[in-house]
Amino acid sequence: MGGKCPHRRVKKRRYSHKTARRTKFLVKGDDMVYDELKKPDEVKKPLPVDEDLPGMGQYYCVHCDRYFANVTVRDEHFKTKRHKKRLKLMMGPAPHTQLDADLAGGMGMPDNGPKLMSM
């Protein structure tokens, strides 16, 4: 008759609400990162020193839009599956933009065909 209560189960681990909310507002959109990657090398500027960012803002992953505390953490990030997927996504065709979404939803410029002469 002993044993654990049958209702006491280990719940699946979920991402915390705080983490999901934090990443939602900090990450740039795919189209912004894609445009930044397509800029010529002459236009790109060196990273400014910022005390509020991890590693004074000097260790940055352009593809994932993340700052890191030091070089070793950034290099470990380059080996992760998340970074490799993001890199593959950014090297492919251009991601969808807000203009594409508006056109698909019927909110773009109306196409009424060629104008006819009115009497």
Protein backbone atom coordinates (compact mmCIF):
# COMPACT_ATOMS: atom_id res chain seq x y z
CA MET A 1 0.00 0.00 0.00
CA GLY A 2 3.03 2.27 0.21
CA GLY A 3 4.70 4.22 -2.55
CA LYS A 4 4.41 7.62 -4.09
CA CYS A 5 1.19 9.38 -4.86
CA PRO A 6 0.15 8.61 -8.50
CA HIS A 7 -0.59 12.27 -9.18
CA ARG A 8 2.90 13.35 -8.28
CA ARG A 9 4.74 13.32 -11.58
CA VAL A 10 7.72 15.23 -12.80
CA LYS A 11 6.52 17.96 -15.08
CA LYS A 12 8.31 18.58 -18.32
CA ARG A 13 10.80 21.36 -18.20
CA ARG A 14 9.63 24.37 -20.07
CA TYR A 15 11.34 27.56 -21.04
CA SER A 16 10.69 30.15 -18.43
CA HIS A 17 8.44 33.02 -19.35
CA LYS A 18 11.17 35.47 -18.41
CA THR A 19 13.70 33.98 -20.84
CA ALA A 20 11.26 33.87 -23.73
CA ARG A 21 10.18 37.44 -23.10
CA ARG A 22 13.77 38.67 -22.85
CA THR A 23 14.83 37.12 -26.16
CA LYS A 24 11.67 38.29 -27.89
CA PHE A 25 12.60 41.95 -27.53
CA LEU A 26 16.38 41.76 -27.85
CA VAL A 27 16.75 39.90 -31.14
CA LYS A 28 16.57 41.76 -34.44
CA GLY A 29 14.28 40.46 -37.14
CA ASP A 30 15.61 38.11 -39.79
CA ASP A 31 15.23 40.71 -42.52
CA MET A 32 17.27 43.30 -40.58
CA VAL A 33 20.11 40.84 -39.94
CA TYR A 34 20.01 39.72 -43.59
CA ASP A 35 20.32 43.34 -44.78
CA GLU A 36 23.21 43.93 -42.38
CA LEU A 37 25.05 40.87 -43.70
CA LYS A 38 24.62 41.96 -47.32
CA LYS A 39 26.32 45.34 -46.73
CA PRO A 40 29.81 45.72 -48.22
CA ASP A 41 32.75 45.43 -45.81
CA GLU A 42 33.66 49.11 -46.24
CA VAL A 43 30.33 50.24 -44.77
CA LYS A 44 30.58 48.07 -41.62
CA LYS A 45 31.96 49.94 -38.61
CA PRO A 46 33.96 48.56 -35.67
CA LEU A 47 31.93 47.79 -32.57
CA PRO A 48 31.75 50.68 -30.07
CA VAL A 49 32.59 50.05 -26.41
CA ASP A 50 29.38 49.82 -24.38
CA GLU A 51 29.52 49.12 -20.65
CA ASP A 52 25.94 47.84 -20.51
CA LEU A 53 26.52 44.94 -22.93
CA PRO A 54 28.31 41.69 -22.07
CA GLY A 55 32.04 41.86 -22.80
CA MET A 56 31.81 45.63 -23.27
CA GLY A 57 30.04 44.96 -26.59
CA GLN A 58 33.19 43.69 -28.33
CA TYR A 59 32.26 40.02 -28.87
CA TYR A 60 29.27 39.92 -31.20
CA CYS A 61 27.68 37.30 -33.47
CA VAL A 62 26.22 39.10 -36.48
CA HIS A 63 24.10 36.16 -37.62
CA CYS A 64 22.39 35.57 -34.26
CA ASP A 65 22.47 39.20 -33.05
CA ARG A 66 24.03 38.25 -29.69
CA TYR A 67 26.79 39.67 -27.53
CA PHE A 68 29.14 37.46 -25.53
CA ALA A 69 31.28 37.94 -22.43
CA ASN A 70 34.57 36.81 -23.99
CA VAL A 71 36.15 35.20 -27.05
CA THR A 72 35.93 31.62 -25.80
CA VAL A 73 32.18 31.82 -25.20
CA ARG A 74 31.67 33.34 -28.65
CA ASP A 75 33.79 30.62 -30.28
CA GLU A 76 31.80 27.93 -28.45
CA HIS A 77 28.62 29.58 -29.73
CA PHE A 78 29.91 29.26 -33.30
CA LYS A 79 29.93 25.46 -32.85
CA THR A 80 26.32 25.19 -31.64
CA LYS A 81 23.42 23.84 -33.65
CA ARG A 82 21.40 27.05 -33.20
CA HIS A 83 24.16 29.17 -34.76
CA LYS A 84 24.67 26.76 -37.66
CA LYS A 85 20.95 26.77 -38.46
CA ARG A 86 20.85 30.55 -38.30
CA LEU A 87 23.93 30.78 -40.54
CA LYS A 88 22.30 28.51 -43.11
CA LEU A 89 19.10 30.57 -42.98
CA MET A 90 20.97 33.85 -43.52
CA MET A 91 23.07 32.52 -46.42
CA GLY A 92 19.98 31.33 -48.32
CA PRO A 93 17.32 33.43 -50.06
CA ALA A 94 16.10 36.67 -48.52
CA PRO A 95 13.67 36.16 -45.61
CA HIS A 96 10.14 37.50 -45.79
CA THR A 97 9.59 41.16 -44.98
CA GLN A 98 6.61 43.09 -43.72
CA LEU A 99 5.84 44.18 -47.30
CA ASP A 100 5.57 40.53 -48.37
CA ALA A 101 3.20 39.84 -45.48
CA ASP A 102 1.01 42.82 -46.37
CA LEU A 103 0.82 41.81 -50.01
CA ALA A 104 -0.09 38.23 -49.09
CA GLY A 105 -2.82 39.49 -46.78
CA GLY A 106 -4.33 41.70 -49.47
CA MET A 107 -3.26 44.93 -47.78
CA GLY A 108 -0.79 46.06 -50.46
CA MET A 109 -1.27 48.45 -53.34
CA PRO A 110 -4.43 47.63 -55.30
CA ASP A 111 -3.90 46.24 -58.77
CA ASN A 112 -6.86 47.47 -60.77
CA GLY A 113 -5.36 46.65 -64.16
CA PRO A 114 -4.66 49.13 -66.96
CA LYS A 115 -6.58 52.36 -66.90
CA LEU A 116 -9.26 52.61 -69.55
CA MET A 117 -10.38 55.82 -71.16
CA SER A 118 -13.49 57.05 -69.43
CA MET A 119 -16.19 59.07 -71.20
